[in-house]
Amino acid sequence: CHEYTQCSAVGMTGSPTPEPTPMPSTAAPINNNPTQTPTTAKPSRTPTPAPTTLKPTGVPSKKPTWAPIPFGSMQMEFWCGLDWFDAQANCAQRCPSGDDNLCLYGLKCISGVATCKKELGYSNYPGLVP
C-alpha cells in the first residue's frame, strides 16, 4: 500500500499450492551437424556468388565527416574563425574537437559560438580563399 492510502491485505495474497509442480522434462539433444539432404520442406536458395572486392573511387571527400553531435554538447559550439566575433558572424565550418588544424586558411577553432547552426563555408573570406 502507498502512503496516504487505505488498504487491506485481506484477499491480496493467496494460499500456497498444495504440491510442488513437477520437474520439466528433458528434451532430446539438438544435433548441430550439417546433413546431406535438406531437413526443411523447402530448401534454401542457391548460394550467392563469391564476394567481390570493391575498388576505391579515387576521389577523396572534400572534408572529413563527423558523427552526429549530441544535442546540448559543447562540441556544437566550436567554429572556425579569425576570432569569436568573426566565427559567430560567418559560421564557416564546425571544428567539434577544438583543434585549429581542422580549420582552413589559418583560421582558429573558437569555442562558445552558440549562434551558428549550419556550416556556410569560406565564401566570406575572399582574401584568404585561393
Foldseek 3Di string as FASTA:
>chain_A
DDPPDDDDCVPVDDDDDPDDDDDDDDDDDDDPDDDPDDPDPDDDDDDDDDDDDDDDPPDDDPADDDDDDDPPDQLQFKAWAQALVGCLVQQADRDSVQQQVRDPQNTGTYGDNPNDDDHPHDPVCVVRDD
